[in-house]
C-alpha atoms as a PDB file:
ATOM      1  CA  UNK A   1       0.000   0.000   0.000  1.00  0.00           C
ATOM      2  CA  UNK A   2       1.346   3.387  -0.973  1.00  0.00           C
ATOM      3  CA  UNK A   3       1.801   5.925   1.773  1.00  0.00           C
ATOM      4  CA  UNK A   4       1.003   9.540   1.009  1.00  0.00           C
ATOM      5  CA  UNK A   5       3.636  12.146   1.771  1.00  0.00           C
ATOM      6  CA  UNK A   6       1.134  13.946   4.005  1.00  0.00           C
ATOM      7  CA  UNK A   7       1.203  10.928   6.325  1.00  0.00           C
ATOM      8  CA  UNK A   8       5.001  10.917   6.650  1.00  0.00           C
ATOM      9  CA  UNK A   9       6.511  12.332   9.832  1.00  0.00           C
ATOM     10  CA  UNK A  10       8.208  15.709   9.596  1.00  0.00           C
ATOM     11  CA  UNK A  11      11.636  14.294  10.417  1.00  0.00           C
ATOM     12  CA  UNK A  12      11.539  11.924   7.427  1.00  0.00           C
ATOM     13  CA  UNK A  13      10.569  14.679   5.017  1.00  0.00           C
ATOM     14  CA  UNK A  14      13.158  17.050   6.516  1.00  0.00           C
ATOM     15  CA  UNK A  15      15.958  14.498   6.307  1.00  0.00           C
ATOM     16  CA  UNK A  16      14.985  13.724   2.707  1.00  0.00           C
ATOM     17  CA  UNK A  17      15.008  17.430   1.839  1.00  0.00           C
ATOM     18  CA  UNK A  18      18.370  18.026   3.541  1.00  0.00           C
ATOM     19  CA  UNK A  19      19.859  14.954   1.883  1.00  0.00           C
ATOM     20  CA  UNK A  20      18.633  16.119  -1.517  1.00  0.00           C
ATOM     21  CA  UNK A  21      20.409  19.450  -1.006  1.00  0.00           C
ATOM     22  CA  UNK A  22      23.632  17.641  -0.059  1.00  0.00           C
ATOM     23  CA  UNK A  23      23.294  15.440  -3.154  1.00  0.00           C
ATOM     24  CA  UNK A  24      22.672  18.505  -5.333  1.00  0.00           C
ATOM     25  CA  UNK A  25      25.787  20.200  -3.935  1.00  0.00           C
ATOM     26  CA  UNK A  26      27.928  17.104  -4.517  1.00  0.00           C
ATOM     27  CA  UNK A  27      26.703  16.765  -8.109  1.00  0.00           C
ATOM     28  CA  UNK A  28      27.253  20.474  -8.776  1.00  0.00           C
ATOM     29  CA  UNK A  29      30.807  20.342  -7.413  1.00  0.00           C
ATOM     30  CA  UNK A  30      31.609  17.281  -9.527  1.00  0.00           C
ATOM     31  CA  UNK A  31      30.226  19.047 -12.618  1.00  0.00           C
ATOM     32  CA  UNK A  32      32.178  22.240 -11.907  1.00  0.00           C
ATOM     33  CA  UNK A  33      35.381  20.265 -11.327  1.00  0.00           C
ATOM     34  CA  UNK A  34      34.890  18.477 -14.635  1.00  0.00           C
ATOM     35  CA  UNK A  35      34.215  21.766 -16.434  1.00  0.00           C
ATOM     36  CA  UNK A  36      37.221  23.352 -14.764  1.00  0.00           C
ATOM     37  CA  UNK A  37      39.584  20.674 -15.992  1.00  0.00           C
ATOM     38  CA  UNK A  38      38.147  20.935 -19.517  1.00  0.00           C
ATOM     39  CA  UNK A  39      38.302  24.726 -19.573  1.00  0.00           C
ATOM     40  CA  UNK A  40      41.914  24.723 -18.328  1.00  0.00           C
ATOM     41  CA  UNK A  41      42.885  22.737 -21.387  1.00  0.00           C
ATOM     42  CA  UNK A  42      40.819  24.750 -23.863  1.00  0.00           C
ATOM     43  CA  UNK A  43      40.991  28.367 -22.677  1.00  0.00           C
ATOM     44  CA  UNK A  44      43.497  30.468 -20.825  1.00  0.00           C
ATOM     45  CA  UNK A  45      42.302  32.765 -18.053  1.00  0.00           C
ATOM     46  CA  UNK A  46      43.209  35.856 -20.057  1.00  0.00           C
ATOM     47  CA  UNK A  47      40.846  34.926 -22.896  1.00  0.00           C
ATOM     48  CA  UNK A  48      37.739  34.661 -20.712  1.00  0.00           C
ATOM     49  CA  UNK A  49      37.850  37.418 -18.082  1.00  0.00           C
ATOM     50  CA  UNK A  50      34.107  38.163 -18.135  1.00  0.00           C
ATOM     51  CA  UNK A  51      32.772  34.620 -18.269  1.00  0.00           C
ATOM     52  CA  UNK A  52      34.028  33.402 -14.899  1.00  0.00           C
ATOM     53  CA  UNK A  53      32.159  36.005 -12.789  1.00  0.00           C
ATOM     54  CA  UNK A  54      29.035  35.663 -14.940  1.00  0.00           C
ATOM     55  CA  UNK A  55      29.111  31.886 -14.606  1.00  0.00           C
ATOM     56  CA  UNK A  56      29.698  32.190 -10.868  1.00  0.00           C
ATOM     57  CA  UNK A  57      26.699  34.481 -10.366  1.00  0.00           C
ATOM     58  CA  UNK A  58      24.430  32.396 -12.579  1.00  0.00           C
ATOM     59  CA  UNK A  59      25.357  29.212 -10.730  1.00  0.00           C
ATOM     60  CA  UNK A  60      24.923  31.008  -7.396  1.00  0.00           C
ATOM     61  CA  UNK A  61      21.425  32.253  -8.249  1.00  0.00           C
ATOM     62  CA  UNK A  62      20.409  28.879  -9.716  1.00  0.00           C
ATOM     63  CA  UNK A  63      21.711  27.118  -6.600  1.00  0.00           C
ATOM     64  CA  UNK A  64      19.815  29.470  -4.299  1.00  0.00           C
ATOM     65  CA  UNK A  65      16.640  28.779  -6.270  1.00  0.00           C
ATOM     66  CA  UNK A  66      17.212  25.019  -6.255  1.00  0.00           C
ATOM     67  CA  UNK A  67      18.157  24.740  -2.570  1.00  0.00           C
ATOM     68  CA  UNK A  68      15.352  27.087  -1.525  1.00  0.00           C
ATOM     69  CA  UNK A  69      12.851  25.018  -3.461  1.00  0.00           C
ATOM     70  CA  UNK A  70      14.165  21.753  -2.054  1.00  0.00           C
ATOM     71  CA  UNK A  71      14.121  22.922   1.565  1.00  0.00           C
ATOM     72  CA  UNK A  72      11.193  25.353   1.646  1.00  0.00           C
ATOM     73  CA  UNK A  73       8.857  24.204  -1.150  1.00  0.00           C
ATOM     74  CA  UNK A  74       6.863  21.478   0.558  1.00  0.00           C
ATOM     75  CA  UNK A  75       6.923  23.113   4.020  1.00  0.00           C
ATOM     76  CA  UNK A  76       5.414  26.232   2.444  1.00  0.00           C
ATOM     77  CA  UNK A  77       2.610  24.166   0.913  1.00  0.00           C
ATOM     78  CA  UNK A  78       2.069  22.464   4.277  1.00  0.00           C
ATOM     79  CA  UNK A  79       1.996  25.805   6.107  1.00  0.00           C
ATOM     80  CA  UNK A  80      -0.510  27.222   3.633  1.00  0.00           C
ATOM     81  CA  UNK A  81      -2.725  24.197   4.329  1.00  0.00           C
ATOM     82  CA  UNK A  82      -2.675  25.229   7.997  1.00  0.00           C
ATOM     83  CA  UNK A  83      -0.207  22.783   9.554  1.00  0.00           C
ATOM     84  CA  UNK A  84       2.439  25.291  10.573  1.00  0.00           C
ATOM     85  CA  UNK A  85       3.985  23.095  13.278  1.00  0.00           C
ATOM     86  CA  UNK A  86       4.624  20.302  10.737  1.00  0.00           C
ATOM     87  CA  UNK A  87       6.104  22.823   8.274  1.00  0.00           C
ATOM     88  CA  UNK A  88       8.465  24.295  10.868  1.00  0.00           C
ATOM     89  CA  UNK A  89       9.592  20.847  11.958  1.00  0.00           C
ATOM     90  CA  UNK A  90      10.373  19.904   8.342  1.00  0.00           C
ATOM     91  CA  UNK A  91      12.589  22.967   7.975  1.00  0.00           C
ATOM     92  CA  UNK A  92      14.254  22.279  11.347  1.00  0.00           C
ATOM     93  CA  UNK A  93      15.021  18.668  10.367  1.00  0.00           C
ATOM     94  CA  UNK A  94      16.374  19.853   7.018  1.00  0.00           C
ATOM     95  CA  UNK A  95      18.680  22.194   8.924  1.00  0.00           C
ATOM     96  CA  UNK A  96      19.750  19.403  11.281  1.00  0.00           C
ATOM     97  CA  UNK A  97      20.569  17.203   8.289  1.00  0.00           C
ATOM     98  CA  UNK A  98      22.593  19.978   6.641  1.00  0.00           C
ATOM     99  CA  UNK A  99      24.422  20.661   9.904  1.00  0.00           C
ATOM    100  CA  UNK A 100      25.228  16.956  10.143  1.00  0.00           C
ATOM    101  CA  UNK A 101      26.637  17.047   6.610  1.00  0.00           C
ATOM    102  CA  UNK A 102      28.773  20.061   7.532  1.00  0.00           C
ATOM    103  CA  UNK A 103      30.103  18.264  10.611  1.00  0.00           C
ATOM    104  CA  UNK A 104      30.900  15.153   8.564  1.00  0.00           C
ATOM    105  CA  UNK A 105      32.747  17.292   6.009  1.00  0.00           C
ATOM    106  CA  UNK A 106      34.747  19.046   8.749  1.00  0.00           C
ATOM    107  CA  UNK A 107      35.632  15.710  10.346  1.00  0.00           C
ATOM    108  CA  UNK A 108      36.683  14.298   6.961  1.00  0.00           C
ATOM    109  CA  UNK A 109      38.864  17.334   6.232  1.00  0.00           C
ATOM    110  CA  UNK A 110      40.378  17.224   9.715  1.00  0.00           C
ATOM    111  CA  UNK A 111      41.264  13.545   9.387  1.00  0.00           C
ATOM    112  CA  UNK A 112      42.747  14.150   5.952  1.00  0.00           C
ATOM    113  CA  UNK A 113      45.100  16.823   7.261  1.00  0.00           C
ATOM    114  CA  UNK A 114      46.157  15.026  10.444  1.00  0.00           C
END
């Protein structure tokens, strides 16, 4: 039997939202690293002075839109339906998940440099 998302606890939805943001960030970094290695071989920095800042700002705005939608989209719908406590808890659990990812990254970097 399928379970509707409205019946899922807030912590599950929040963890899923936070994990999707972490996955998006990992995929974006892998894509940018791949593009960076390709562009280093094709172009020199002097030939493309305007494109780097434009690309940075476009990726920044797109990322803000994507992450905002992933974390705040469904809680906003839930809040507009009247269940504000559930919506707030989803956002809190998303934040807890993101904080956990930050702590894991810091631990991984610390262990790498020890």
